[in-house]
Amino acid sequence: MGSQGKGTRGRWSELRGQREYRGRWVALRPSSEPADGEVVDADEDLAALCSRIRAAEQTSCSIVFCE
């Protein structure tokens, strides 16, 4: 269960309000704007998300939980 919204860009304040991210861990790649980012991947299971991020060598991601 992962990768929903992959490549979605926007302000985190807007992204976190989207239904597809609620209750999930979201990996974000930073953009040139401090409050913006691009969704790399998302999953309810933090360990699974981290494993995929590591395997994809996405070293500059932030991982946040979307309540």
C-alpha atoms as a PDB file:
ATOM      1  CA  MET A   1       0.000   0.000   0.000  1.00  0.00           C
ATOM      2  CA  GLY A   2       2.136   2.939  -1.013  1.00  0.00           C
ATOM      3  CA  SER A   3       2.950   5.503  -3.631  1.00  0.00           C
ATOM      4  CA  GLN A   4      -0.422   7.265  -3.573  1.00  0.00           C
ATOM      5  CA  GLY A   5      -0.096  10.827  -4.744  1.00  0.00           C
ATOM      6  CA  LYS A   6       3.465  10.291  -5.900  1.00  0.00           C
ATOM      7  CA  GLY A   7       4.754  13.431  -7.553  1.00  0.00           C
ATOM      8  CA  THR A   8       2.067  15.675  -6.097  1.00  0.00           C
ATOM      9  CA  ARG A   9       3.474  19.138  -5.419  1.00  0.00           C
ATOM     10  CA  GLY A  10       2.159  21.847  -3.150  1.00  0.00           C
ATOM     11  CA  ARG A  11       2.257  23.514   0.217  1.00  0.00           C
ATOM     12  CA  TRP A  12       2.245  21.060   3.106  1.00  0.00           C
ATOM     13  CA  SER A  13      -0.589  23.024   4.709  1.00  0.00           C
ATOM     14  CA  GLU A  14      -2.714  22.118   1.662  1.00  0.00           C
ATOM     15  CA  LEU A  15      -1.373  18.605   1.038  1.00  0.00           C
ATOM     16  CA  ARG A  16      -2.039  17.439   4.574  1.00  0.00           C
ATOM     17  CA  GLY A  17      -5.725  18.281   4.147  1.00  0.00           C
ATOM     18  CA  GLN A  18      -6.119  15.827   1.262  1.00  0.00           C
ATOM     19  CA  ARG A  19      -8.044  12.670   2.125  1.00  0.00           C
ATOM     20  CA  GLU A  20      -5.515  10.334   0.486  1.00  0.00           C
ATOM     21  CA  TYR A  21      -2.851  11.314   3.060  1.00  0.00           C
ATOM     22  CA  ARG A  22      -4.893  11.227   6.268  1.00  0.00           C
ATOM     23  CA  GLY A  23      -3.539   8.668   8.742  1.00  0.00           C
ATOM     24  CA  ARG A  24      -0.463   8.029   6.606  1.00  0.00           C
ATOM     25  CA  TRP A  25       3.231   8.770   6.730  1.00  0.00           C
ATOM     26  CA  VAL A  26       4.235  11.006   3.815  1.00  0.00           C
ATOM     27  CA  ALA A  27       7.733  11.370   2.354  1.00  0.00           C
ATOM     28  CA  LEU A  28       8.319  14.843   0.934  1.00  0.00           C
ATOM     29  CA  ARG A  29      11.118  16.089  -1.259  1.00  0.00           C
ATOM     30  CA  PRO A  30      11.761  19.766  -0.519  1.00  0.00           C
ATOM     31  CA  SER A  31      11.272  22.359  -3.228  1.00  0.00           C
ATOM     32  CA  SER A  32      12.733  25.808  -3.680  1.00  0.00           C
ATOM     33  CA  GLU A  33       9.997  27.285  -1.486  1.00  0.00           C
ATOM     34  CA  PRO A  34      10.409  26.510   2.251  1.00  0.00           C
ATOM     35  CA  ALA A  35       6.789  25.452   2.868  1.00  0.00           C
ATOM     36  CA  ASP A  36       6.419  23.531  -0.404  1.00  0.00           C
ATOM     37  CA  GLY A  37       7.340  19.994  -1.297  1.00  0.00           C
ATOM     38  CA  GLU A  38       6.705  17.095  -3.635  1.00  0.00           C
ATOM     39  CA  VAL A  39       5.173  13.876  -2.374  1.00  0.00           C
ATOM     40  CA  VAL A  40       7.591  11.054  -3.075  1.00  0.00           C
ATOM     41  CA  ASP A  41       5.577   8.265  -1.456  1.00  0.00           C
ATOM     42  CA  ALA A  42       3.064   7.637   1.331  1.00  0.00           C
ATOM     43  CA  ASP A  43       2.088   4.653   3.455  1.00  0.00           C
ATOM     44  CA  GLU A  44       0.290   3.759   6.679  1.00  0.00           C
ATOM     45  CA  ASP A  45       3.312   1.638   7.644  1.00  0.00           C
ATOM     46  CA  LEU A  46       6.336   3.800   8.482  1.00  0.00           C
ATOM     47  CA  ALA A  47       8.794   0.901   8.194  1.00  0.00           C
ATOM     48  CA  ALA A  48       7.530  -0.004   4.708  1.00  0.00           C
ATOM     49  CA  LEU A  49       7.737   3.627   3.610  1.00  0.00           C
ATOM     50  CA  CYS A  50      11.283   4.012   4.929  1.00  0.00           C
ATOM     51  CA  SER A  51      12.326   0.784   3.229  1.00  0.00           C
ATOM     52  CA  ARG A  52      11.070   2.003  -0.155  1.00  0.00           C
ATOM     53  CA  ILE A  53      12.637   5.446   0.313  1.00  0.00           C
ATOM     54  CA  ARG A  54      16.001   3.843   1.143  1.00  0.00           C
ATOM     55  CA  ALA A  55      15.769   1.451  -1.820  1.00  0.00           C
ATOM     56  CA  ALA A  56      15.025   4.385  -4.139  1.00  0.00           C
ATOM     57  CA  GLU A  57      17.965   6.312  -2.642  1.00  0.00           C
ATOM     58  CA  GLN A  58      15.758   9.315  -1.867  1.00  0.00           C
ATOM     59  CA  THR A  59      18.137  10.752   0.725  1.00  0.00           C
ATOM     60  CA  SER A  60      16.781  14.301   0.898  1.00  0.00           C
ATOM     61  CA  CYS A  61      13.205  13.481   1.950  1.00  0.00           C
ATOM     62  CA  SER A  62      11.360  14.591   5.040  1.00  0.00           C
ATOM     63  CA  ILE A  63       8.870  12.118   6.452  1.00  0.00           C
ATOM     64  CA  VAL A  64       5.849  13.520   8.247  1.00  0.00           C
ATOM     65  CA  PHE A  65       2.636  12.039   9.635  1.00  0.00           C
ATOM     66  CA  CYS A  66      -0.614  13.433   8.305  1.00  0.00           C
ATOM     67  CA  GLU A  67      -3.275  13.381  11.016  1.00  0.00           C
END
